[in-house]
Amino acid sequence: MENNSNAGFGKVSFSKDGRINTNGAVPFVNAQMLVPYGMAVAVPVGENTFMLPVGNTALCMGIVQKPFATPLQAGEIMLYSSGGASIVLKNDGKVLINGREV
């Protein structure tokens, strides 16, 4: 299906090699993820996304964030995987890997 000019939310129905398909009001096929330089993600099927059509393709602008088991303070950053691994950069300079300070 050709993308139209409607940005919107969708759910990932397929994910491989940095490309995703989403279902939503406007389905997108073979869309690219927009991520910071030096990062790569393989988005799991079922995640909620925000999609932005661009020409004949679309960009996934991000994943709708889920609540964390451990709340973050404003300014803190967490990287995590679906398997439970995590790295947290704390405001006080501490770095936590899987909950343990390093």
Protein backbone atom coordinates (compact mmCIF):
# COMPACT_ATOMS: atom_id res chain seq x y z
CA MET A 1 0.00 0.00 0.00
CA GLU A 2 1.33 3.44 -0.80
CA ASN A 3 1.78 5.62 2.27
CA ASN A 4 -0.29 8.78 2.49
CA SER A 5 0.42 11.95 4.45
CA ASN A 6 -1.12 10.72 7.70
CA ALA A 7 1.28 10.25 10.59
CA GLY A 8 -0.02 8.04 13.35
CA PHE A 9 0.30 5.17 15.76
CA GLY A 10 0.68 1.57 14.73
CA LYS A 11 1.64 -1.81 16.13
CA VAL A 12 4.69 -3.69 14.82
CA SER A 13 3.60 -6.77 12.85
CA PHE A 14 7.02 -7.67 11.37
CA SER A 15 10.61 -6.74 12.26
CA LYS A 16 13.84 -7.74 10.53
CA ASP A 17 17.18 -6.09 9.67
CA GLY A 18 16.20 -2.67 11.03
CA ARG A 19 12.94 -2.52 9.03
CA ILE A 20 9.41 -2.94 10.35
CA ASN A 21 5.86 -3.35 9.15
CA THR A 22 3.08 -1.81 11.23
CA ASN A 23 -0.68 -2.12 11.43
CA GLY A 24 -2.74 0.92 12.31
CA ALA A 25 -5.11 3.39 10.69
CA VAL A 26 -2.49 3.54 7.92
CA PRO A 27 -0.38 0.37 7.58
CA PHE A 28 3.30 0.79 6.70
CA VAL A 29 5.56 -1.77 5.03
CA ASN A 30 9.36 -1.88 5.13
CA ALA A 31 9.61 1.25 7.27
CA GLN A 32 12.92 2.37 8.76
CA MET A 33 13.66 3.04 12.43
CA LEU A 34 14.94 6.51 13.35
CA VAL A 35 17.62 6.04 16.05
CA PRO A 36 20.57 8.06 17.36
CA TYR A 37 23.96 7.51 15.71
CA GLY A 38 25.78 4.49 17.11
CA MET A 39 22.63 2.65 18.17
CA ALA A 40 20.74 -0.16 16.51
CA VAL A 41 17.45 -1.71 17.53
CA ALA A 42 15.46 -4.78 16.59
CA VAL A 43 11.93 -3.84 17.61
CA PRO A 44 9.86 -6.78 18.88
CA VAL A 45 6.56 -7.59 17.18
CA GLY A 46 3.66 -6.12 19.16
CA GLU A 47 5.35 -2.85 20.21
CA ASN A 48 3.38 0.36 19.67
CA THR A 49 5.06 2.89 17.38
CA PHE A 50 4.60 6.39 16.00
CA MET A 51 5.02 6.46 12.23
CA LEU A 52 5.75 9.38 9.92
CA PRO A 53 5.27 8.97 6.14
CA VAL A 54 8.16 10.33 4.06
CA GLY A 55 7.82 10.06 0.28
CA ASN A 56 7.14 6.45 -0.65
CA THR A 57 8.37 5.09 2.67
CA ALA A 58 7.94 5.83 6.37
CA LEU A 59 10.07 6.41 9.43
CA CYS A 60 9.32 4.95 12.82
CA MET A 61 9.84 7.97 15.06
CA GLY A 62 9.88 5.86 18.21
CA ILE A 63 8.24 3.29 20.40
CA VAL A 64 5.56 4.19 22.92
CA GLN A 65 7.37 3.96 26.27
CA LYS A 66 6.14 1.46 28.87
CA PRO A 67 6.27 2.04 32.64
CA PHE A 68 9.56 1.01 34.27
CA ALA A 69 9.86 -1.42 37.18
CA THR A 70 12.31 1.08 38.73
CA PRO A 71 11.33 4.72 38.17
CA LEU A 72 13.88 7.06 36.61
CA GLN A 73 14.51 10.56 37.89
CA ALA A 74 14.31 13.45 35.42
CA GLY A 75 17.58 13.49 33.47
CA GLU A 76 18.44 9.79 33.91
CA ILE A 77 18.81 7.37 31.00
CA MET A 78 18.12 3.65 30.71
CA LEU A 79 19.00 1.24 27.93
CA TYR A 80 17.21 -2.09 28.17
CA SER A 81 16.47 -5.25 26.24
CA SER A 82 13.35 -7.39 26.10
CA GLY A 83 15.33 -10.10 27.94
CA GLY A 84 15.74 -7.91 31.03
CA ALA A 85 19.31 -6.60 30.65
CA SER A 86 19.67 -2.90 31.49
CA ILE A 87 22.15 -0.06 31.86
CA VAL A 88 21.11 3.01 33.86
CA LEU A 89 23.02 6.31 33.91
CA LYS A 90 22.09 8.01 37.19
CA ASN A 91 22.14 11.74 37.91
CA ASP A 92 24.65 11.25 40.72
CA GLY A 93 27.21 9.76 38.28
CA LYS A 94 26.54 6.13 39.16
CA VAL A 95 26.20 3.54 36.40
CA LEU A 96 24.01 0.53 37.07
CA ILE A 97 24.27 -2.60 34.95
CA ASN A 98 21.43 -5.02 35.63
CA GLY A 99 20.78 -3.12 38.88
CA ARG A 100 24.36 -3.37 40.17
CA GLU A 101 26.64 -0.35 40.50
CA VAL A 102 29.86 -0.50 38.49
